[in-house]
Amino acid sequence: MPTIALFVDVQNIYYTTRDTWKRPFNYRKFWDTVSAQGDIRVANAYAIDRGDEGQRRFQDALRHIGFTVRLKPYIQRADGSAKGDWDVGITIDVLEAASRVDRVILLSGDGDFDLLLDKIRLDHGVSTEVYGVPGLTAHSLIQSADTFHPITETLLQ
């Protein structure tokens, strides 16, 4: 049975499914789909912590499913802009896990990860997969993945 590492860019998946379908992603259905295909060894979900009770319930639900939830504080700048980006953290964790699994699955539409997928495939020979919303997933990320799985209504609540 193949070994799998999952990495979820929660903010990206939240906004792309909301903007496209006005419905949230179904993490339980996703977990069930992937776990039927192999042994999930790593499952990280990366989110921004705003201290909101609804977010805490959502994060607890992810933990109950089997994800390790990694949180970074939400930073509101004096000029009104905000910061909360997990790209470097996701990259480091993917690089560390790639040598221990057969497949790396990334849920994100962020094109910044295209070079990462190319690197782990070349360095570790892992299969790379991306789940993203069609039209809101960077073309370069789709091209970098061995397999692109479009998030459609079948993976929504």
Protein backbone atom coordinates (compact mmCIF):
# COMPACT_ATOMS: atom_id res chain seq x y z
CA MET A 1 0.00 0.00 0.00
CA PRO A 2 1.52 3.39 -0.98
CA THR A 3 2.44 5.87 1.74
CA ILE A 4 1.00 9.36 1.50
CA ALA A 5 1.72 12.81 2.90
CA LEU A 6 -1.06 15.44 2.77
CA PHE A 7 -0.53 19.18 2.98
CA VAL A 8 -3.49 21.54 3.03
CA ASP A 9 -3.27 25.29 2.47
CA VAL A 10 -6.51 25.89 4.40
CA GLN A 11 -6.88 29.59 3.56
CA ASN A 12 -6.41 28.95 -0.16
CA ILE A 13 -8.94 26.10 -0.21
CA TYR A 14 -11.43 28.09 1.88
CA TYR A 15 -11.38 31.16 -0.36
CA THR A 16 -11.29 29.35 -3.71
CA THR A 17 -14.22 27.03 -2.88
CA ARG A 18 -16.16 29.91 -1.32
CA ASP A 19 -15.59 32.20 -4.29
CA THR A 20 -16.46 29.52 -6.84
CA TRP A 21 -19.33 27.59 -5.21
CA LYS A 22 -20.23 29.46 -2.01
CA ARG A 23 -19.75 26.14 -0.21
CA PRO A 24 -16.98 24.78 2.02
CA PHE A 25 -14.63 21.94 1.17
CA ASN A 26 -15.55 18.55 2.63
CA TYR A 27 -12.39 17.46 4.47
CA ARG A 28 -13.97 14.23 5.74
CA LYS A 29 -14.89 13.11 2.23
CA PHE A 30 -11.42 14.05 1.00
CA TRP A 31 -9.78 12.09 3.85
CA ASP A 32 -11.92 9.04 3.14
CA THR A 33 -11.06 9.21 -0.58
CA VAL A 34 -7.31 9.47 -0.03
CA SER A 35 -7.10 6.98 2.85
CA ALA A 36 -8.72 4.36 0.63
CA GLN A 37 -5.75 4.75 -1.75
CA GLY A 38 -2.92 4.32 0.75
CA ASP A 39 -1.48 4.80 4.21
CA ILE A 40 -1.57 8.46 5.28
CA ARG A 41 1.66 9.02 7.21
CA VAL A 42 1.62 12.83 7.37
CA ALA A 43 -1.46 15.06 7.25
CA ASN A 44 -0.90 18.72 7.96
CA ALA A 45 -3.45 21.50 7.64
CA TYR A 46 -2.03 25.03 7.76
CA ALA A 47 -4.31 27.81 8.97
CA ILE A 48 -4.32 31.32 10.35
CA ASP A 49 -5.50 31.78 13.92
CA ARG A 50 -7.75 34.77 14.44
CA GLY A 51 -8.95 33.53 17.84
CA ASP A 52 -12.45 33.01 16.51
CA GLU A 53 -14.68 30.36 18.15
CA GLY A 54 -15.98 29.15 14.78
CA GLN A 55 -12.41 28.68 13.60
CA ARG A 56 -11.57 26.71 16.74
CA ARG A 57 -14.47 24.34 16.08
CA PHE A 58 -13.34 23.92 12.47
CA GLN A 59 -9.75 23.25 13.60
CA ASP A 60 -10.98 20.70 16.15
CA ALA A 61 -12.96 18.98 13.39
CA LEU A 62 -9.81 18.76 11.27
CA ARG A 63 -7.94 17.22 14.21
CA HIS A 64 -10.75 14.72 14.75
CA ILE A 65 -10.49 13.65 11.10
CA GLY A 66 -6.75 13.04 11.53
CA PHE A 67 -4.99 16.25 10.49
CA THR A 68 -2.28 17.95 12.48
CA VAL A 69 -3.38 21.57 12.50
CA ARG A 70 -0.56 24.08 12.30
CA LEU A 71 -1.54 27.62 13.26
CA LYS A 72 0.09 30.95 12.64
CA PRO A 73 -1.24 34.12 14.25
CA TYR A 74 -3.17 36.59 12.13
CA ILE A 75 -1.26 39.87 12.00
CA GLN A 76 -3.11 43.10 11.30
CA ARG A 77 -0.70 45.86 10.28
CA ALA A 78 -1.13 49.52 11.23
CA ASP A 79 -1.80 50.40 7.58
CA GLY A 80 -4.80 48.03 7.52
CA SER A 81 -3.11 45.27 5.54
CA ALA A 82 -2.86 41.78 6.97
CA LYS A 83 -0.27 39.02 7.03
CA GLY A 84 -0.73 35.32 7.44
CA ASP A 85 1.19 33.14 5.02
CA TRP A 86 2.25 29.51 5.43
CA ASP A 87 4.18 29.06 2.15
CA VAL A 88 7.59 28.65 3.79
CA GLY A 89 6.26 26.36 6.53
CA ILE A 90 4.46 24.15 4.02
CA THR A 91 7.59 24.01 1.86
CA ILE A 92 9.83 22.95 4.75
CA ASP A 93 7.39 20.25 5.88
CA VAL A 94 6.98 18.90 2.33
CA LEU A 95 10.76 18.74 1.87
CA GLU A 96 11.14 16.86 5.16
CA ALA A 97 8.35 14.36 4.42
CA ALA A 98 9.15 13.65 0.76
CA SER A 99 11.92 11.16 1.54
CA ARG A 100 9.60 9.06 3.73
CA VAL A 101 6.55 8.62 1.47
CA ASP A 102 5.57 7.49 -2.01
CA ARG A 103 3.08 10.29 -2.73
CA VAL A 104 2.82 13.93 -1.74
CA ILE A 105 -0.62 15.50 -2.07
CA LEU A 106 -0.97 19.27 -1.89
CA LEU A 107 -4.27 21.08 -1.59
CA SER A 108 -3.65 24.58 -2.89
CA GLY A 109 -3.93 26.66 -6.00
CA ASP A 110 -0.82 28.70 -5.21
CA GLY A 111 1.69 28.70 -8.06
CA ASP A 112 4.53 29.38 -5.63
CA PHE A 113 4.59 25.62 -4.96
CA ASP A 114 5.39 24.57 -8.54
CA LEU A 115 9.17 24.51 -8.00
CA LEU A 116 8.70 22.56 -4.77
CA LEU A 117 6.83 19.78 -6.56
CA ASP A 118 9.48 19.62 -9.28
CA LYS A 119 12.25 19.41 -6.65
CA ILE A 120 10.74 16.61 -4.56
CA ARG A 121 9.94 14.56 -7.65
CA LEU A 122 13.53 14.89 -8.89
CA ASP A 123 15.25 14.49 -5.51
CA HIS A 124 13.04 11.80 -3.97
CA GLY A 125 11.16 10.20 -6.85
CA VAL A 126 7.79 10.79 -5.18
CA SER A 127 4.56 11.10 -7.06
CA THR A 128 3.01 14.56 -6.69
CA GLU A 129 -0.67 15.42 -6.75
CA VAL A 130 -2.52 18.69 -6.45
CA TYR A 131 -6.13 19.30 -5.53
CA GLY A 132 -7.30 22.76 -6.54
CA VAL A 133 -10.28 24.68 -7.83
CA PRO A 134 -10.25 24.87 -11.64
CA GLY A 135 -9.75 28.41 -12.86
CA LEU A 136 -8.28 29.48 -9.51
CA THR A 137 -5.30 27.11 -9.51
CA ALA A 138 -2.09 28.40 -11.07
CA HIS A 139 -1.36 26.80 -14.42
CA SER A 140 2.28 26.33 -13.38
CA LEU A 141 1.18 24.31 -10.33
CA ILE A 142 -1.09 22.11 -12.44
CA GLN A 143 1.80 21.51 -14.88
CA SER A 144 4.21 20.67 -12.04
CA ALA A 145 2.01 17.98 -10.53
CA ASP A 146 2.01 14.43 -11.80
CA THR A 147 -1.75 14.49 -11.28
CA PHE A 148 -4.14 17.40 -10.92
CA HIS A 149 -7.46 16.71 -9.23
CA PRO A 150 -9.99 19.48 -9.84
CA ILE A 151 -12.03 20.28 -6.75
CA THR A 152 -15.60 20.04 -7.91
CA GLU A 153 -18.94 19.88 -6.15
CA THR A 154 -18.33 16.21 -5.28
CA LEU A 155 -15.74 17.34 -2.68
CA LEU A 156 -17.87 20.09 -1.16
CA GLN A 157 -20.24 20.10 1.78
